[in-house]
N, C-alpha and C. Protein backbone atom coordinates (compact mmCIF):
# COMPACT_ATOMS: atom_id res chain seq x y z
N MET A 1 7.12 -8.31 22.48
CA MET A 1 5.91 -8.37 23.20
C MET A 1 5.55 -9.16 24.12
N LYS A 2 5.25 -10.10 23.43
CA LYS A 2 4.73 -11.81 24.16
C LYS A 2 6.62 -12.31 24.66
N VAL A 3 7.74 -12.11 23.70
CA VAL A 3 8.41 -13.02 24.33
C VAL A 3 8.58 -12.01 25.46
N ASN A 4 8.87 -11.11 25.88
CA ASN A 4 9.28 -9.78 27.05
C ASN A 4 8.18 -10.56 28.32
N GLN A 5 6.81 -10.87 27.56
CA GLN A 5 5.77 -10.99 28.85
C GLN A 5 6.43 -13.02 29.22
N ARG A 6 6.90 -13.73 28.06
CA ARG A 6 6.93 -14.93 28.26
C ARG A 6 8.21 -15.11 29.56
N ASN A 7 9.38 -14.50 29.06
CA ASN A 7 10.01 -14.29 29.72
C ASN A 7 9.87 -13.81 31.19
N GLU A 8 9.30 -12.60 31.66
CA GLU A 8 8.92 -12.16 32.56
C GLU A 8 7.89 -13.11 33.88
N GLY A 9 7.61 -13.95 33.09
CA GLY A 9 6.54 -14.93 33.38
C GLY A 9 7.48 -15.86 33.87
N ARG A 10 8.33 -16.20 33.22
CA ARG A 10 9.42 -17.58 33.32
C ARG A 10 10.45 -17.37 34.50
N ILE A 11 10.83 -16.07 34.66
CA ILE A 11 11.26 -15.21 35.83
C ILE A 11 10.67 -15.06 37.09
N ASN A 12 9.45 -14.54 37.09
CA ASN A 12 8.75 -14.80 38.12
C ASN A 12 8.11 -16.10 38.71
N ASN A 13 7.97 -17.20 37.71
CA ASN A 13 7.65 -18.56 38.05
C ASN A 13 8.93 -19.38 39.13
N TYR A 14 10.18 -18.43 38.26
CA TYR A 14 11.33 -19.55 39.06
C TYR A 14 11.69 -18.57 40.29
N LEU A 15 11.42 -17.51 40.89
CA LEU A 15 11.54 -16.79 42.07
C LEU A 15 10.45 -17.24 43.01
N LYS A 16 8.80 -17.61 42.46
CA LYS A 16 8.00 -18.17 43.09
C LYS A 16 8.32 -19.53 43.61
N SER A 17 9.03 -20.43 42.90
CA SER A 17 8.93 -21.84 42.96
C SER A 17 9.96 -21.71 43.50
N GLY A 18 11.62 -20.96 44.11
CA GLY A 18 12.55 -21.02 44.60
C GLY A 18 13.40 -21.70 43.58
N ASN A 19 13.28 -21.56 42.18
CA ASN A 19 14.41 -22.30 41.29
C ASN A 19 15.29 -21.27 40.50
N HIS A 20 16.52 -21.82 41.78
CA HIS A 20 17.36 -20.29 41.83
C HIS A 20 18.09 -21.31 40.36
N ASN A 21 18.31 -22.56 40.12
CA ASN A 21 19.11 -23.14 38.84
C ASN A 21 18.13 -22.49 37.39
N GLY A 22 17.30 -21.89 37.54
CA GLY A 22 16.03 -21.65 36.52
C GLY A 22 17.06 -20.34 36.20
N LEU A 23 17.05 -19.30 37.49
CA LEU A 23 17.39 -18.09 37.12
C LEU A 23 19.01 -18.01 36.49
N GLU A 24 19.89 -19.18 37.36
CA GLU A 24 21.07 -19.12 36.96
C GLU A 24 21.17 -19.82 35.11
N SER A 25 20.42 -20.54 34.72
CA SER A 25 21.03 -20.97 33.24
C SER A 25 20.12 -19.62 32.74
N MET A 26 19.17 -19.07 32.85
CA MET A 26 18.85 -17.41 32.20
C MET A 26 20.05 -16.51 31.94
N LYS A 27 20.81 -16.55 33.55
CA LYS A 27 22.22 -15.73 32.83
C LYS A 27 23.24 -16.15 32.54
N ARG A 28 23.24 -17.37 32.38
CA ARG A 28 24.34 -18.01 31.93
C ARG A 28 24.33 -17.75 29.85
N ASN A 29 22.83 -18.06 29.83
CA ASN A 29 22.56 -17.64 28.31
C ASN A 29 23.15 -16.27 28.11
N LEU A 30 21.95 -15.62 28.79
CA LEU A 30 22.46 -14.15 29.00
C LEU A 30 23.99 -13.34 28.90
N GLU A 31 24.83 -14.38 29.07
CA GLU A 31 26.20 -14.25 29.66
C GLU A 31 26.77 -14.65 28.07
N GLU A 32 26.53 -16.15 27.63
CA GLU A 32 26.85 -17.28 26.31
C GLU A 32 26.78 -16.31 25.35
N TYR A 33 25.50 -16.42 24.93
CA TYR A 33 24.61 -15.87 24.32
C TYR A 33 24.36 -14.51 23.73
N GLY A 34 24.04 -13.77 25.11
CA GLY A 34 23.57 -12.46 24.78
C GLY A 34 22.38 -12.55 24.80
N ASN A 35 21.51 -13.60 25.22
CA ASN A 35 20.13 -14.10 24.93
C ASN A 35 19.34 -14.80 26.56
N PRO A 36 18.50 -14.74 26.86
CA PRO A 36 18.63 -15.14 28.30
C PRO A 36 17.75 -16.37 28.00
N ASN A 37 17.22 -17.10 26.93
CA ASN A 37 16.65 -17.84 26.44
C ASN A 37 17.41 -18.51 25.75
N GLY A 38 18.87 -18.16 25.74
CA GLY A 38 19.59 -19.03 24.96
C GLY A 38 20.17 -18.73 23.56
N PRO A 39 20.91 -19.63 22.87
CA PRO A 39 21.05 -18.97 21.22
C PRO A 39 20.18 -18.94 20.49
N THR A 40 20.07 -18.20 19.32
CA THR A 40 19.33 -17.74 18.16
C THR A 40 19.90 -18.74 16.89
N PRO A 41 18.59 -19.04 16.40
CA PRO A 41 19.04 -19.81 14.99
C PRO A 41 20.44 -19.42 14.09
N ASN A 42 20.20 -18.36 14.38
CA ASN A 42 21.46 -18.11 13.22
C ASN A 42 22.71 -18.13 14.18
N GLN A 43 23.00 -17.85 15.54
CA GLN A 43 24.41 -18.33 16.22
C GLN A 43 24.37 -19.83 15.80
N LEU A 44 23.38 -20.72 16.16
CA LEU A 44 23.39 -22.39 15.95
C LEU A 44 23.71 -22.59 14.44
N PHE A 45 23.43 -22.01 13.68
CA PHE A 45 23.76 -21.95 12.15
C PHE A 45 25.15 -21.46 11.99
N GLU A 46 25.63 -20.71 12.82
CA GLU A 46 27.35 -20.04 12.63
C GLU A 46 28.21 -21.51 13.41
N LYS A 47 26.85 -21.94 14.90
CA LYS A 47 27.94 -22.90 15.11
C LYS A 47 28.03 -24.63 14.58
N TYR A 48 27.16 -24.70 13.99
CA TYR A 48 27.18 -26.27 13.76
C TYR A 48 27.66 -25.99 11.69
N GLY A 49 27.12 -25.31 11.22
CA GLY A 49 27.29 -24.72 9.75
C GLY A 49 26.60 -24.94 8.68
N SER A 50 25.20 -26.09 9.26
CA SER A 50 24.33 -26.05 8.50
C SER A 50 23.44 -26.36 8.84
N TRP A 51 22.06 -26.23 8.03
CA TRP A 51 20.57 -26.11 9.09
C TRP A 51 20.41 -27.63 8.96
N GLU A 52 20.87 -28.29 8.60
CA GLU A 52 20.51 -29.68 9.06
C GLU A 52 21.14 -30.51 10.39
N ASP A 53 22.71 -29.73 10.14
CA ASP A 53 23.47 -30.08 11.17
C ASP A 53 22.40 -29.82 12.52
N VAL A 54 21.95 -28.12 12.39
CA VAL A 54 21.04 -27.61 13.55
C VAL A 54 20.60 -28.24 13.91
N ILE A 55 19.47 -28.86 13.04
CA ILE A 55 18.29 -29.94 12.94
C ILE A 55 19.13 -30.77 14.19
N TYR A 56 19.74 -31.86 13.60
CA TYR A 56 20.28 -32.95 14.31
C TYR A 56 20.69 -32.72 15.32
N ALA A 57 21.51 -31.98 15.97
CA ALA A 57 21.86 -31.41 16.92
C ALA A 57 20.82 -30.75 17.87
N SER A 58 19.57 -30.69 17.58
CA SER A 58 18.65 -30.46 17.82
C SER A 58 17.62 -31.63 18.76
N THR A 59 17.85 -32.57 18.15
CA THR A 59 17.22 -33.72 18.23
C THR A 59 17.81 -34.83 19.30
N ARG A 60 19.21 -34.46 19.76
CA ARG A 60 20.26 -35.09 20.34
C ARG A 60 19.41 -35.26 21.56
N SER A 61 19.57 -36.37 21.71
CA SER A 61 19.14 -36.80 23.61
C SER A 61 20.05 -35.71 24.40
N ASN A 62 19.61 -35.62 25.65
CA ASN A 62 20.37 -35.00 26.86
C ASN A 62 19.93 -36.13 28.06
N PRO A 63 21.18 -36.66 28.65
CA PRO A 63 20.70 -37.76 29.32
C PRO A 63 20.38 -36.62 30.26
N GLY A 64 20.82 -35.45 31.51
CA GLY A 64 20.35 -35.06 32.54
C GLY A 64 19.23 -34.51 32.20
N MET A 65 18.65 -33.98 31.31
CA MET A 65 17.70 -33.42 30.61
C MET A 65 16.06 -34.75 30.55
N ASP A 66 16.83 -35.69 30.22
CA ASP A 66 15.77 -37.00 30.47
C ASP A 66 15.76 -37.52 31.66
N VAL A 67 16.52 -37.38 32.32
CA VAL A 67 16.21 -37.61 33.73
C VAL A 67 15.20 -36.90 34.70
N LEU A 68 15.53 -35.40 34.67
CA LEU A 68 14.27 -34.30 34.96
C LEU A 68 12.79 -34.30 34.33
N THR A 69 12.88 -35.38 33.23
CA THR A 69 11.54 -35.15 32.76
C THR A 69 10.96 -36.66 32.57
N GLY A 70 11.69 -37.88 33.41
CA GLY A 70 11.24 -39.03 33.10
C GLY A 70 11.29 -39.74 32.63
N LEU A 71 12.29 -39.28 31.27
CA LEU A 71 12.32 -40.00 29.97
C LEU A 71 13.56 -40.88 29.93
N TYR A 72 14.16 -40.85 31.32
CA TYR A 72 15.25 -41.80 30.68
C TYR A 72 15.17 -42.75 30.94
N ASP A 73 14.70 -43.28 31.99
CA ASP A 73 13.86 -44.79 31.99
C ASP A 73 13.41 -45.59 31.06
N ILE A 74 12.95 -44.43 30.03
CA ILE A 74 12.08 -44.96 28.67
C ILE A 74 12.82 -45.18 27.70
N TYR A 75 14.00 -44.45 27.97
CA TYR A 75 14.20 -44.34 26.37
C TYR A 75 16.25 -44.54 26.52
N GLY A 76 16.78 -44.36 27.94
CA GLY A 76 18.74 -44.38 28.06
C GLY A 76 19.04 -45.38 29.60
N GLY A 77 17.82 -45.31 30.22
CA GLY A 77 17.99 -45.82 31.90
C GLY A 77 17.85 -47.81 31.39
N ASP A 78 18.43 -48.05 32.52
CA ASP A 78 18.25 -49.84 32.89
C ASP A 78 16.81 -50.37 32.59
């Protein structure tokens, strides 16, 4: 129930703010993983082969997200 409430809130927030990219990401996640929130832990385990590798992958930097969150200049920018 809480997950559904969170997802509804997320969708409503995307609609209110005109964040069409957010809606598209949920659509892509649903198409690719069968889940609007992205892959499940078990799907990640299948992809990476071990929980250690899942954890490692989750801590890798994402330059695009770093720029959006203002971390690029701190950790990866010039």
